[in-house]
PDB file of N, CA and C in Angstrom:
ATOM      1  N   MET A   1      10.766  10.864  -5.964  1.00  0.00           N
ATOM      2  CA  MET A   1      10.252  10.518  -4.656  1.00  0.00           C
ATOM      3  C   MET A   1       8.995   9.674  -4.815  1.00  0.00           C
ATOM      4  N   ILE A   2       8.824   8.727  -3.917  1.00  0.00           N
ATOM      5  CA  ILE A   2       7.612   7.907  -3.875  1.00  0.00           C
ATOM      6  C   ILE A   2       6.639   8.571  -2.908  1.00  0.00           C
ATOM      7  N   ILE A   3       5.414   8.772  -3.365  1.00  0.00           N
ATOM      8  CA  ILE A   3       4.357   9.319  -2.520  1.00  0.00           C
ATOM      9  C   ILE A   3       3.341   8.212  -2.277  1.00  0.00           C
ATOM     10  N   VAL A   4       3.098   7.908  -1.013  1.00  0.00           N
ATOM     11  CA  VAL A   4       2.114   6.906  -0.626  1.00  0.00           C
ATOM     12  C   VAL A   4       0.953   7.629   0.042  1.00  0.00           C
ATOM     13  N   SER A   5      -0.247   7.377  -0.442  1.00  0.00           N
ATOM     14  CA  SER A   5      -1.456   7.901   0.195  1.00  0.00           C
ATOM     15  C   SER A   5      -2.214   6.726   0.784  1.00  0.00           C
ATOM     16  N   VAL A   6      -2.378   6.747   2.107  1.00  0.00           N
ATOM     17  CA  VAL A   6      -3.169   5.731   2.798  1.00  0.00           C
ATOM     18  C   VAL A   6      -4.590   6.283   2.868  1.00  0.00           C
ATOM     19  N   LEU A   7      -5.537   5.556   2.284  1.00  0.00           N
ATOM     20  CA  LEU A   7      -6.915   6.015   2.207  1.00  0.00           C
ATOM     21  C   LEU A   7      -7.701   5.463   3.394  1.00  0.00           C
ATOM     22  N   ARG A   8      -8.206   6.380   4.215  1.00  0.00           N
ATOM     23  CA  ARG A   8      -8.913   5.988   5.440  1.00  0.00           C
ATOM     24  C   ARG A   8     -10.356   6.473   5.433  1.00  0.00           C
ATOM     25  N   ARG A   9     -11.194   5.687   6.118  1.00  0.00           N
ATOM     26  CA  ARG A   9     -12.569   6.115   6.389  1.00  0.00           C
ATOM     27  C   ARG A   9     -12.541   7.083   7.566  1.00  0.00           C
ATOM     28  N   LYS A  10     -13.649   7.735   7.805  1.00  0.00           N
ATOM     29  CA  LYS A  10     -13.742   8.676   8.933  1.00  0.00           C
ATOM     30  C   LYS A  10     -13.558   7.979  10.275  1.00  0.00           C
ATOM     31  N   ASP A  11     -13.884   6.680  10.351  1.00  0.00           N
ATOM     32  CA  ASP A  11     -13.682   5.940  11.607  1.00  0.00           C
ATOM     33  C   ASP A  11     -12.255   5.410  11.731  1.00  0.00           C
ATOM     34  N   ASN A  12     -11.360   5.841  10.830  1.00  0.00           N
ATOM     35  CA  ASN A  12      -9.937   5.507  10.809  1.00  0.00           C
ATOM     36  C   ASN A  12      -9.623   4.150  10.187  1.00  0.00           C
ATOM     37  N   GLY A  13     -10.641   3.401   9.751  1.00  0.00           N
ATOM     38  CA  GLY A  13     -10.385   2.151   9.045  1.00  0.00           C
ATOM     39  C   GLY A  13      -9.703   2.437   7.708  1.00  0.00           C
ATOM     40  N   ILE A  14      -8.907   1.503   7.248  1.00  0.00           N
ATOM     41  CA  ILE A  14      -8.170   1.695   5.998  1.00  0.00           C
ATOM     42  C   ILE A  14      -8.967   1.099   4.841  1.00  0.00           C
ATOM     43  N   LEU A  15      -9.199   1.916   3.832  1.00  0.00           N
ATOM     44  CA  LEU A  15      -9.915   1.486   2.632  1.00  0.00           C
ATOM     45  C   LEU A  15      -8.979   1.009   1.533  1.00  0.00           C
ATOM     46  N   GLY A  16      -7.763   1.529   1.520  1.00  0.00           N
ATOM     47  CA  GLY A  16      -6.818   1.179   0.469  1.00  0.00           C
ATOM     48  C   GLY A  16      -5.645   2.128   0.463  1.00  0.00           C
ATOM     49  N   PHE A  17      -4.956   2.188  -0.677  1.00  0.00           N
ATOM     50  CA  PHE A  17      -3.764   3.029  -0.772  1.00  0.00           C
ATOM     51  C   PHE A  17      -3.462   3.342  -2.224  1.00  0.00           C
ATOM     52  N   GLU A  18      -2.645   4.360  -2.429  1.00  0.00           N
ATOM     53  CA  GLU A  18      -2.096   4.702  -3.738  1.00  0.00           C
ATOM     54  C   GLU A  18      -0.606   4.955  -3.567  1.00  0.00           C
ATOM     55  N   VAL A  19       0.171   4.463  -4.499  1.00  0.00           N
ATOM     56  CA  VAL A  19       1.617   4.669  -4.499  1.00  0.00           C
ATOM     57  C   VAL A  19       1.984   5.224  -5.866  1.00  0.00           C
ATOM     58  N   GLU A  20       2.745   6.330  -5.862  1.00  0.00           N
ATOM     59  CA  GLU A  20       3.091   6.953  -7.136  1.00  0.00           C
ATOM     60  C   GLU A  20       4.519   7.477  -7.089  1.00  0.00           C
ATOM     61  N   GLY A  21       5.223   7.294  -8.183  1.00  0.00           N
ATOM     62  CA  GLY A  21       6.556   7.855  -8.325  1.00  0.00           C
ATOM     63  C   GLY A  21       7.657   6.818  -8.221  1.00  0.00           C
ATOM     64  N   HIS A  22       8.865   7.319  -8.351  1.00  0.00           N
ATOM     65  CA  HIS A  22      10.071   6.503  -8.241  1.00  0.00           C
ATOM     66  C   HIS A  22      10.973   7.146  -7.199  1.00  0.00           C
ATOM     67  N   ALA A  23      11.651   6.319  -6.433  1.00  0.00           N
ATOM     68  CA  ALA A  23      12.465   6.829  -5.338  1.00  0.00           C
ATOM     69  C   ALA A  23      13.645   7.661  -5.830  1.00  0.00           C
ATOM     70  N   GLY A  24      14.330   7.196  -6.836  1.00  0.00           N
ATOM     71  CA  GLY A  24      15.540   7.879  -7.272  1.00  0.00           C
ATOM     72  C   GLY A  24      16.725   7.608  -6.367  1.00  0.00           C
ATOM     73  N   TYR A  25      16.656   6.554  -5.583  1.00  0.00           N
ATOM     74  CA  TYR A  25      17.750   6.186  -4.683  1.00  0.00           C
ATOM     75  C   TYR A  25      18.945   5.655  -5.471  1.00  0.00           C
ATOM     76  N   ALA A  26      18.652   4.892  -6.520  1.00  0.00           N
ATOM     77  CA  ALA A  26      19.696   4.309  -7.371  1.00  0.00           C
ATOM     78  C   ALA A  26      19.105   4.134  -8.772  1.00  0.00           C
ATOM     79  N   LYS A  27      19.942   3.698  -9.703  1.00  0.00           N
ATOM     80  CA  LYS A  27      19.435   3.535 -11.059  1.00  0.00           C
ATOM     81  C   LYS A  27      18.439   2.373 -11.119  1.00  0.00           C
ATOM     82  N   SER A  28      17.599   2.395 -12.153  1.00  0.00           N
ATOM     83  CA  SER A  28      16.568   1.381 -12.338  1.00  0.00           C
ATOM     84  C   SER A  28      17.178  -0.013 -12.279  1.00  0.00           C
ATOM     85  N   GLY A  29      16.521  -0.884 -11.546  1.00  0.00           N
ATOM     86  CA  GLY A  29      17.014  -2.244 -11.382  1.00  0.00           C
ATOM     87  C   GLY A  29      17.899  -2.425 -10.172  1.00  0.00           C
ATOM     88  N   GLU A  30      18.358  -1.315  -9.583  1.00  0.00           N
ATOM     89  CA  GLU A  30      19.222  -1.377  -8.404  1.00  0.00           C
ATOM     90  C   GLU A  30      18.665  -0.564  -7.237  1.00  0.00           C
ATOM     91  N   ASP A  31      17.471  -0.015  -7.410  1.00  0.00           N
ATOM     92  CA  ASP A  31      16.886   0.887  -6.416  1.00  0.00           C
ATOM     93  C   ASP A  31      16.188   0.077  -5.326  1.00  0.00           C
ATOM     94  N   ILE A  32      16.847  -0.048  -4.171  1.00  0.00           N
ATOM     95  CA  ILE A  32      16.300  -0.871  -3.090  1.00  0.00           C
ATOM     96  C   ILE A  32      15.056  -0.252  -2.460  1.00  0.00           C
ATOM     97  N   VAL A  33      14.921   1.058  -2.528  1.00  0.00           N
ATOM     98  CA  VAL A  33      13.722   1.702  -1.964  1.00  0.00           C
ATOM     99  C   VAL A  33      12.518   1.354  -2.829  1.00  0.00           C
ATOM    100  N   CYS A  34      12.634   1.517  -4.139  1.00  0.00           N
ATOM    101  CA  CYS A  34      11.538   1.138  -5.046  1.00  0.00           C
ATOM    102  C   CYS A  34      11.208  -0.349  -4.904  1.00  0.00           C
ATOM    103  N   ALA A  35      12.238  -1.177  -4.838  1.00  0.00           N
ATOM    104  CA  ALA A  35      12.018  -2.617  -4.721  1.00  0.00           C
ATOM    105  C   ALA A  35      11.296  -2.962  -3.418  1.00  0.00           C
ATOM    106  N   GLY A  36      11.692  -2.321  -2.329  1.00  0.00           N
ATOM    107  CA  GLY A  36      11.042  -2.587  -1.044  1.00  0.00           C
ATOM    108  C   GLY A  36       9.586  -2.165  -1.041  1.00  0.00           C
ATOM    109  N   VAL A  37       9.324  -0.973  -1.550  1.00  0.00           N
ATOM    110  CA  VAL A  37       7.944  -0.473  -1.596  1.00  0.00           C
ATOM    111  C   VAL A  37       7.100  -1.357  -2.512  1.00  0.00           C
ATOM    112  N   SER A  38       7.644  -1.735  -3.655  1.00  0.00           N
ATOM    113  CA  SER A  38       6.906  -2.612  -4.568  1.00  0.00           C
ATOM    114  C   SER A  38       6.609  -3.962  -3.916  1.00  0.00           C
ATOM    115  N   ALA A  39       7.582  -4.520  -3.248  1.00  0.00           N
ATOM    116  CA  ALA A  39       7.400  -5.832  -2.625  1.00  0.00           C
ATOM    117  C   ALA A  39       6.305  -5.809  -1.564  1.00  0.00           C
ATOM    118  N   VAL A  40       6.322  -4.807  -0.691  1.00  0.00           N
ATOM    119  CA  VAL A  40       5.325  -4.807   0.385  1.00  0.00           C
ATOM    120  C   VAL A  40       3.937  -4.419  -0.111  1.00  0.00           C
ATOM    121  N   THR A  41       3.840  -3.542  -1.102  1.00  0.00           N
ATOM    122  CA  THR A  41       2.513  -3.147  -1.585  1.00  0.00           C
ATOM    123  C   THR A  41       1.873  -4.254  -2.425  1.00  0.00           C
ATOM    124  N   VAL A  42       2.600  -4.773  -3.389  1.00  0.00           N
ATOM    125  CA  VAL A  42       2.056  -5.859  -4.211  1.00  0.00           C
ATOM    126  C   VAL A  42       1.823  -7.098  -3.354  1.00  0.00           C
ATOM    127  N   GLY A  43       2.736  -7.375  -2.438  1.00  0.00           N
ATOM    128  CA  GLY A  43       2.562  -8.513  -1.532  1.00  0.00           C
ATOM    129  C   GLY A  43       1.333  -8.386  -0.661  1.00  0.00           C
ATOM    130  N   THR A  44       1.020  -7.175  -0.233  1.00  0.00           N
ATOM    131  CA  THR A  44      -0.178  -6.968   0.581  1.00  0.00           C
ATOM    132  C   THR A  44      -1.442  -7.205  -0.233  1.00  0.00           C
ATOM    133  N   VAL A  45      -1.488  -6.689  -1.451  1.00  0.00           N
ATOM    134  CA  VAL A  45      -2.653  -6.928  -2.320  1.00  0.00           C
ATOM    135  C   VAL A  45      -2.833  -8.439  -2.538  1.00  0.00           C
ATOM    136  N   ASN A  46      -1.738  -9.137  -2.831  1.00  0.00           N
ATOM    137  CA  ASN A  46      -1.812 -10.587  -3.035  1.00  0.00           C
ATOM    138  C   ASN A  46      -2.227 -11.314  -1.760  1.00  0.00           C
ATOM    139  N   SER A  47      -1.734 -10.879  -0.611  1.00  0.00           N
ATOM    140  CA  SER A  47      -2.093 -11.506   0.664  1.00  0.00           C
ATOM    141  C   SER A  47      -3.567 -11.319   0.980  1.00  0.00           C
ATOM    142  N   ILE A  48      -4.076 -10.125   0.728  1.00  0.00           N
ATOM    143  CA  ILE A  48      -5.499  -9.877   0.991  1.00  0.00           C
ATOM    144  C   ILE A  48      -6.352 -10.812   0.138  1.00  0.00           C
ATOM    145  N   GLU A  49      -6.000 -10.961  -1.130  1.00  0.00           N
ATOM    146  CA  GLU A  49      -6.772 -11.851  -1.992  1.00  0.00           C
ATOM    147  C   GLU A  49      -6.674 -13.301  -1.522  1.00  0.00           C
ATOM    148  N   GLU A  50      -5.470 -13.738  -1.220  1.00  0.00           N
ATOM    149  CA  GLU A  50      -5.248 -15.134  -0.833  1.00  0.00           C
ATOM    150  C   GLU A  50      -5.841 -15.473   0.535  1.00  0.00           C
ATOM    151  N   LEU A  51      -5.705 -14.572   1.501  1.00  0.00           N
ATOM    152  CA  LEU A  51      -6.079 -14.883   2.883  1.00  0.00           C
ATOM    153  C   LEU A  51      -7.494 -14.471   3.264  1.00  0.00           C
ATOM    154  N   THR A  52      -8.104 -13.589   2.481  1.00  0.00           N
ATOM    155  CA  THR A  52      -9.450 -13.137   2.833  1.00  0.00           C
ATOM    156  C   THR A  52     -10.485 -13.431   1.751  1.00  0.00           C
ATOM    157  N   GLY A  53     -10.031 -13.714   0.539  1.00  0.00           N
ATOM    158  CA  GLY A  53     -10.960 -13.912  -0.567  1.00  0.00           C
ATOM    159  C   GLY A  53     -11.436 -12.616  -1.206  1.00  0.00           C
ATOM    160  N   ILE A  54     -10.958 -11.485  -0.702  1.00  0.00           N
ATOM    161  CA  ILE A  54     -11.329 -10.183  -1.255  1.00  0.00           C
ATOM    162  C   ILE A  54     -10.423  -9.858  -2.429  1.00  0.00           C
ATOM    163  N   VAL A  55     -11.026  -9.533  -3.555  1.00  0.00           N
ATOM    164  CA  VAL A  55     -10.253  -9.053  -4.700  1.00  0.00           C
ATOM    165  C   VAL A  55     -10.320  -7.530  -4.671  1.00  0.00           C
ATOM    166  N   MET A  56      -9.187  -6.909  -4.422  1.00  0.00           N
ATOM    167  CA  MET A  56      -9.150  -5.454  -4.331  1.00  0.00           C
ATOM    168  C   MET A  56      -9.341  -4.835  -5.715  1.00  0.00           C
ATOM    169  N   ASP A  57      -9.955  -3.671  -5.737  1.00  0.00           N
ATOM    170  CA  ASP A  57     -10.036  -2.882  -6.970  1.00  0.00           C
ATOM    171  C   ASP A  57      -8.656  -2.251  -7.140  1.00  0.00           C
ATOM    172  N   SER A  58      -7.915  -2.688  -8.146  1.00  0.00           N
ATOM    173  CA  SER A  58      -6.540  -2.200  -8.265  1.00  0.00           C
ATOM    174  C   SER A  58      -6.199  -1.817  -9.702  1.00  0.00           C
ATOM    175  N   LYS A  59      -5.243  -0.898  -9.789  1.00  0.00           N
ATOM    176  CA  LYS A  59      -4.691  -0.451 -11.058  1.00  0.00           C
ATOM    177  C   LYS A  59      -3.189  -0.338 -10.876  1.00  0.00           C
ATOM    178  N   MET A  60      -2.449  -0.823 -11.869  1.00  0.00           N
ATOM    179  CA  MET A  60      -0.999  -0.752 -11.767  1.00  0.00           C
ATOM    180  C   MET A  60      -0.418  -0.418 -13.133  1.00  0.00           C
ATOM    181  N   LYS A  61       0.530   0.506 -13.130  1.00  0.00           N
ATOM    182  CA  LYS A  61       1.334   0.808 -14.311  1.00  0.00           C
ATOM    183  C   LYS A  61       2.686   1.261 -13.795  1.00  0.00           C
ATOM    184  N   ASN A  62       3.589   1.560 -14.658  1.00  0.00           N
ATOM    185  CA  ASN A  62       4.934   1.948 -14.264  1.00  0.00           C
ATOM    186  C   ASN A  62       4.901   3.107 -13.269  1.00  0.00           C
ATOM    187  N   GLY A  63       5.389   2.855 -12.071  1.00  0.00           N
ATOM    188  CA  GLY A  63       5.464   3.910 -11.065  1.00  0.00           C
ATOM    189  C   GLY A  63       4.157   4.242 -10.386  1.00  0.00           C
ATOM    190  N   PHE A  64       3.127   3.400 -10.532  1.00  0.00           N
ATOM    191  CA  PHE A  64       1.826   3.690  -9.927  1.00  0.00           C
ATOM    192  C   PHE A  64       1.114   2.397  -9.556  1.00  0.00           C
ATOM    193  N   LEU A  65       0.555   2.377  -8.341  1.00  0.00           N
ATOM    194  CA  LEU A  65      -0.317   1.289  -7.898  1.00  0.00           C
ATOM    195  C   LEU A  65      -1.385   1.893  -7.020  1.00  0.00           C
ATOM    196  N   SER A  66      -2.632   1.599  -7.336  1.00  0.00           N
ATOM    197  CA  SER A  66      -3.723   1.949  -6.432  1.00  0.00           C
ATOM    198  C   SER A  66      -4.490   0.675  -6.139  1.00  0.00           C
ATOM    199  N   ALA A  67      -4.934   0.539  -4.908  1.00  0.00           N
ATOM    200  CA  ALA A  67      -5.705  -0.633  -4.510  1.00  0.00           C
ATOM    201  C   ALA A  67      -6.678  -0.213  -3.415  1.00  0.00           C
ATOM    202  N   SER A  68      -7.924  -0.596  -3.593  1.00  0.00           N
ATOM    203  CA  SER A  68      -8.929  -0.272  -2.575  1.00  0.00           C
ATOM    204  C   SER A  68      -9.861  -1.457  -2.393  1.00  0.00           C
ATOM    205  N   LEU A  69     -10.399  -1.548  -1.197  1.00  0.00           N
ATOM    206  CA  LEU A  69     -11.340  -2.615  -0.891  1.00  0.00           C
ATOM    207  C   LEU A  69     -12.655  -2.349  -1.616  1.00  0.00           C
ATOM    208  N   PRO A  70     -13.294  -3.390  -2.135  1.00  0.00           N
ATOM    209  CA  PRO A  70     -14.586  -3.188  -2.779  1.00  0.00           C
ATOM    210  C   PRO A  70     -15.651  -2.848  -1.738  1.00  0.00           C
ATOM    211  N   SER A  71     -16.777  -2.345  -2.199  1.00  0.00           N
ATOM    212  CA  SER A  71     -17.839  -1.939  -1.264  1.00  0.00           C
ATOM    213  C   SER A  71     -18.508  -3.133  -0.592  1.00  0.00           C
ATOM    214  N   VAL A  72     -18.469  -4.293  -1.225  1.00  0.00           N
ATOM    215  CA  VAL A  72     -19.057  -5.504  -0.636  1.00  0.00           C
ATOM    216  C   VAL A  72     -17.950  -6.535  -0.456  1.00  0.00           C
ATOM    217  N   VAL A  73     -17.825  -7.028   0.781  1.00  0.00           N
ATOM    218  CA  VAL A  73     -16.797  -8.034   1.078  1.00  0.00           C
ATOM    219  C   VAL A  73     -17.450  -9.211   1.805  1.00  0.00           C
ATOM    220  N   PRO A  74     -16.840 -10.387   1.724  1.00  0.00           N
ATOM    221  CA  PRO A  74     -17.392 -11.548   2.431  1.00  0.00           C
ATOM    222  C   PRO A  74     -17.463 -11.304   3.937  1.00  0.00           C
ATOM    223  N   PRO A  75     -18.459 -11.882   4.615  1.00  0.00           N
ATOM    224  CA  PRO A  75     -18.579 -11.699   6.066  1.00  0.00           C
ATOM    225  C   PRO A  75     -17.292 -12.080   6.791  1.00  0.00           C
ATOM    226  N   GLY A  76     -16.880 -11.237   7.729  1.00  0.00           N
ATOM    227  CA  GLY A  76     -15.689 -11.494   8.531  1.00  0.00           C
ATOM    228  C   GLY A  76     -14.372 -11.169   7.848  1.00  0.00           C
ATOM    229  N   ALA A  77     -14.406 -10.899   6.554  1.00  0.00           N
ATOM    230  CA  ALA A  77     -13.160 -10.672   5.825  1.00  0.00           C
ATOM    231  C   ALA A  77     -12.629  -9.254   5.982  1.00  0.00           C
ATOM    232  N   LEU A  78     -13.507  -8.290   6.240  1.00  0.00           N
ATOM    233  CA  LEU A  78     -13.077  -6.895   6.317  1.00  0.00           C
ATOM    234  C   LEU A  78     -12.040  -6.684   7.417  1.00  0.00           C
ATOM    235  N   GLU A  79     -12.261  -7.272   8.581  1.00  0.00           N
ATOM    236  CA  GLU A  79     -11.326  -7.092   9.698  1.00  0.00           C
ATOM    237  C   GLU A  79      -9.953  -7.658   9.354  1.00  0.00           C
ATOM    238  N   ARG A  80      -9.908  -8.808   8.706  1.00  0.00           N
ATOM    239  CA  ARG A  80      -8.620  -9.400   8.319  1.00  0.00           C
ATOM    240  C   ARG A  80      -7.921  -8.559   7.264  1.00  0.00           C
ATOM    241  N   ALA A  81      -8.695  -8.049   6.307  1.00  0.00           N
ATOM    242  CA  ALA A  81      -8.106  -7.201   5.259  1.00  0.00           C
ATOM    243  C   ALA A  81      -7.550  -5.919   5.857  1.00  0.00           C
ATOM    244  N   GLU A  82      -8.294  -5.319   6.782  1.00  0.00           N
ATOM    245  CA  GLU A  82      -7.809  -4.084   7.408  1.00  0.00           C
ATOM    246  C   GLU A  82      -6.568  -4.336   8.255  1.00  0.00           C
ATOM    247  N   LEU A  83      -6.462  -5.507   8.868  1.00  0.00           N
ATOM    248  CA  LEU A  83      -5.245  -5.840   9.616  1.00  0.00           C
ATOM    249  C   LEU A  83      -4.055  -5.944   8.666  1.00  0.00           C
ATOM    250  N   LEU A  84      -4.252  -6.554   7.515  1.00  0.00           N
ATOM    251  CA  LEU A  84      -3.169  -6.636   6.531  1.00  0.00           C
ATOM    252  C   LEU A  84      -2.802  -5.251   6.002  1.00  0.00           C
ATOM    253  N   LEU A  85      -3.784  -4.395   5.793  1.00  0.00           N
ATOM    254  CA  LEU A  85      -3.493  -3.025   5.345  1.00  0.00           C
ATOM    255  C   LEU A  85      -2.780  -2.233   6.439  1.00  0.00           C
ATOM    256  N   ALA A  86      -3.157  -2.445   7.695  1.00  0.00           N
ATOM    257  CA  ALA A  86      -2.449  -1.778   8.804  1.00  0.00           C
ATOM    258  C   ALA A  86      -1.003  -2.265   8.868  1.00  0.00           C
ATOM    259  N   SER A  87      -0.789  -3.545   8.600  1.00  0.00           N
ATOM    260  CA  SER A  87       0.568  -4.087   8.560  1.00  0.00           C
ATOM    261  C   SER A  87       1.367  -3.439   7.433  1.00  0.00           C
ATOM    262  N   LEU A  88       0.726  -3.209   6.293  1.00  0.00           N
ATOM    263  CA  LEU A  88       1.383  -2.516   5.185  1.00  0.00           C
ATOM    264  C   LEU A  88       1.865  -1.143   5.620  1.00  0.00           C
ATOM    265  N   VAL A  89       1.031  -0.415   6.334  1.00  0.00           N
ATOM    266  CA  VAL A  89       1.420   0.918   6.794  1.00  0.00           C
ATOM    267  C   VAL A  89       2.640   0.830   7.703  1.00  0.00           C
ATOM    268  N   VAL A  90       2.683  -0.161   8.587  1.00  0.00           N
ATOM    269  CA  VAL A  90       3.854  -0.346   9.458  1.00  0.00           C
ATOM    270  C   VAL A  90       5.104  -0.605   8.621  1.00  0.00           C
ATOM    271  N   MET A  91       4.989  -1.462   7.613  1.00  0.00           N
ATOM    272  CA  MET A  91       6.147  -1.763   6.764  1.00  0.00           C
ATOM    273  C   MET A  91       6.610  -0.529   5.994  1.00  0.00           C
ATOM    274  N   LEU A  92       5.663   0.226   5.449  1.00  0.00           N
ATOM    275  CA  LEU A  92       6.030   1.442   4.721  1.00  0.00           C
ATOM    276  C   LEU A  92       6.656   2.480   5.648  1.00  0.00           C
ATOM    277  N   ARG A  93       6.142   2.620   6.865  1.00  0.00           N
ATOM    278  CA  ARG A  93       6.725   3.568   7.827  1.00  0.00           C
ATOM    279  C   ARG A  93       8.154   3.145   8.182  1.00  0.00           C
ATOM    280  N   THR A  94       8.399   1.851   8.241  1.00  0.00           N
ATOM    281  CA  THR A  94       9.752   1.355   8.514  1.00  0.00           C
ATOM    282  C   THR A  94      10.702   1.762   7.390  1.00  0.00           C
ATOM    283  N   ILE A  95      10.234   1.629   6.143  1.00  0.00           N
ATOM    284  CA  ILE A  95      11.045   2.078   5.006  1.00  0.00           C
ATOM    285  C   ILE A  95      11.244   3.589   5.083  1.00  0.00           C
ATOM    286  N   GLU A  96      10.193   4.316   5.407  1.00  0.00           N
ATOM    287  CA  GLU A  96      10.276   5.775   5.518  1.00  0.00           C
ATOM    288  C   GLU A  96      11.256   6.196   6.616  1.00  0.00           C
ATOM    289  N   ASP A  97      11.298   5.460   7.720  1.00  0.00           N
ATOM    290  CA  ASP A  97      12.232   5.787   8.810  1.00  0.00           C
ATOM    291  C   ASP A  97      13.692   5.731   8.338  1.00  0.00           C
ATOM    292  N   SER A  98      13.984   4.795   7.456  1.00  0.00           N
ATOM    293  CA  SER A  98      15.360   4.647   6.972  1.00  0.00           C
ATOM    294  C   SER A  98      15.661   5.459   5.722  1.00  0.00           C
ATOM    295  N   TYR A  99      14.642   5.688   4.894  1.00  0.00           N
ATOM    296  CA  TYR A  99      14.864   6.322   3.586  1.00  0.00           C
ATOM    297  C   TYR A  99      13.875   7.465   3.352  1.00  0.00           C
ATOM    298  N   GLY A 100      13.624   8.264   4.383  1.00  0.00           N
ATOM    299  CA  GLY A 100      12.631   9.332   4.328  1.00  0.00           C
ATOM    300  C   GLY A 100      12.857  10.364   3.239  1.00  0.00           C
ATOM    301  N   LYS A 101      14.058  10.468   2.764  1.00  0.00           N
ATOM    302  CA  LYS A 101      14.360  11.401   1.682  1.00  0.00           C
ATOM    303  C   LYS A 101      13.753  10.932   0.354  1.00  0.00           C
ATOM    304  N   TYR A 102      13.387   9.637   0.276  1.00  0.00           N
ATOM    305  CA  TYR A 102      12.938   9.039  -0.979  1.00  0.00           C
ATOM    306  C   TYR A 102      11.475   8.589  -0.964  1.00  0.00           C
ATOM    307  N   ILE A 103      10.837   8.643   0.201  1.00  0.00           N
ATOM    308  CA  ILE A 103       9.452   8.195   0.322  1.00  0.00           C
ATOM    309  C   ILE A 103       8.714   9.086   1.316  1.00  0.00           C
ATOM    310  N   GLN A 104       7.488   9.431   0.976  1.00  0.00           N
ATOM    311  CA  GLN A 104       6.644  10.239   1.862  1.00  0.00           C
ATOM    312  C   GLN A 104       5.292   9.546   1.970  1.00  0.00           C
ATOM    313  N   ILE A 105       4.808   9.379   3.195  1.00  0.00           N
ATOM    314  CA  ILE A 105       3.527   8.729   3.437  1.00  0.00           C
ATOM    315  C   ILE A 105       2.561   9.770   3.978  1.00  0.00           C
ATOM    316  N   GLN A 106       1.373   9.810   3.381  1.00  0.00           N
ATOM    317  CA  GLN A 106       0.348  10.734   3.852  1.00  0.00           C
ATOM    318  C   GLN A 106      -0.949   9.973   4.092  1.00  0.00           C
ATOM    319  N   GLU A 107      -1.715  10.432   5.040  1.00  0.00           N
ATOM    320  CA  GLU A 107      -3.010   9.833   5.359  1.00  0.00           C
ATOM    321  C   GLU A 107      -4.093  10.712   4.757  1.00  0.00           C
ATOM    322  N   VAL A 108      -5.029  10.091   4.039  1.00  0.00           N
ATOM    323  CA  VAL A 108      -6.107  10.820   3.388  1.00  0.00           C
ATOM    324  C   VAL A 108      -7.427  10.239   3.869  1.00  0.00           C
ATOM    325  N   THR A 109      -8.280  11.056   4.460  1.00  0.00           N
ATOM    326  CA  THR A 109      -9.593  10.599   4.892  1.00  0.00           C
ATOM    327  C   THR A 109     -10.594  10.871   3.776  1.00  0.00           C
ATOM    328  N   ILE A 110     -11.306   9.807   3.402  1.00  0.00           N
ATOM    329  CA  ILE A 110     -12.298   9.962   2.330  1.00  0.00           C
ATOM    330  C   ILE A 110     -13.676   9.517   2.794  1.00  0.00           C
TER     331      ILE A 110
END
């Protein structure tokens, strides 16, 4: 199962996320759930860097990705980055709606 933790501030703003595990929907290389989650999470990190200039603090290895916004960001960029992160949550919830047996999303306030 894939576990997604959406990391939120107390004011509900999104700071980042962690994704861990493998869906187990199909064998490696054919697992559409893993592929979908990988595409939207990595794509979001790349979009934030390209569209806002923010380089997220990220770590990636087999079956794991964590990405969080740095403590200092360019003026005006935080709102755009948080919109992209909110979009990520919508995309992940869409995957969860169809494949909830293979992915679980949790909200963590830090």
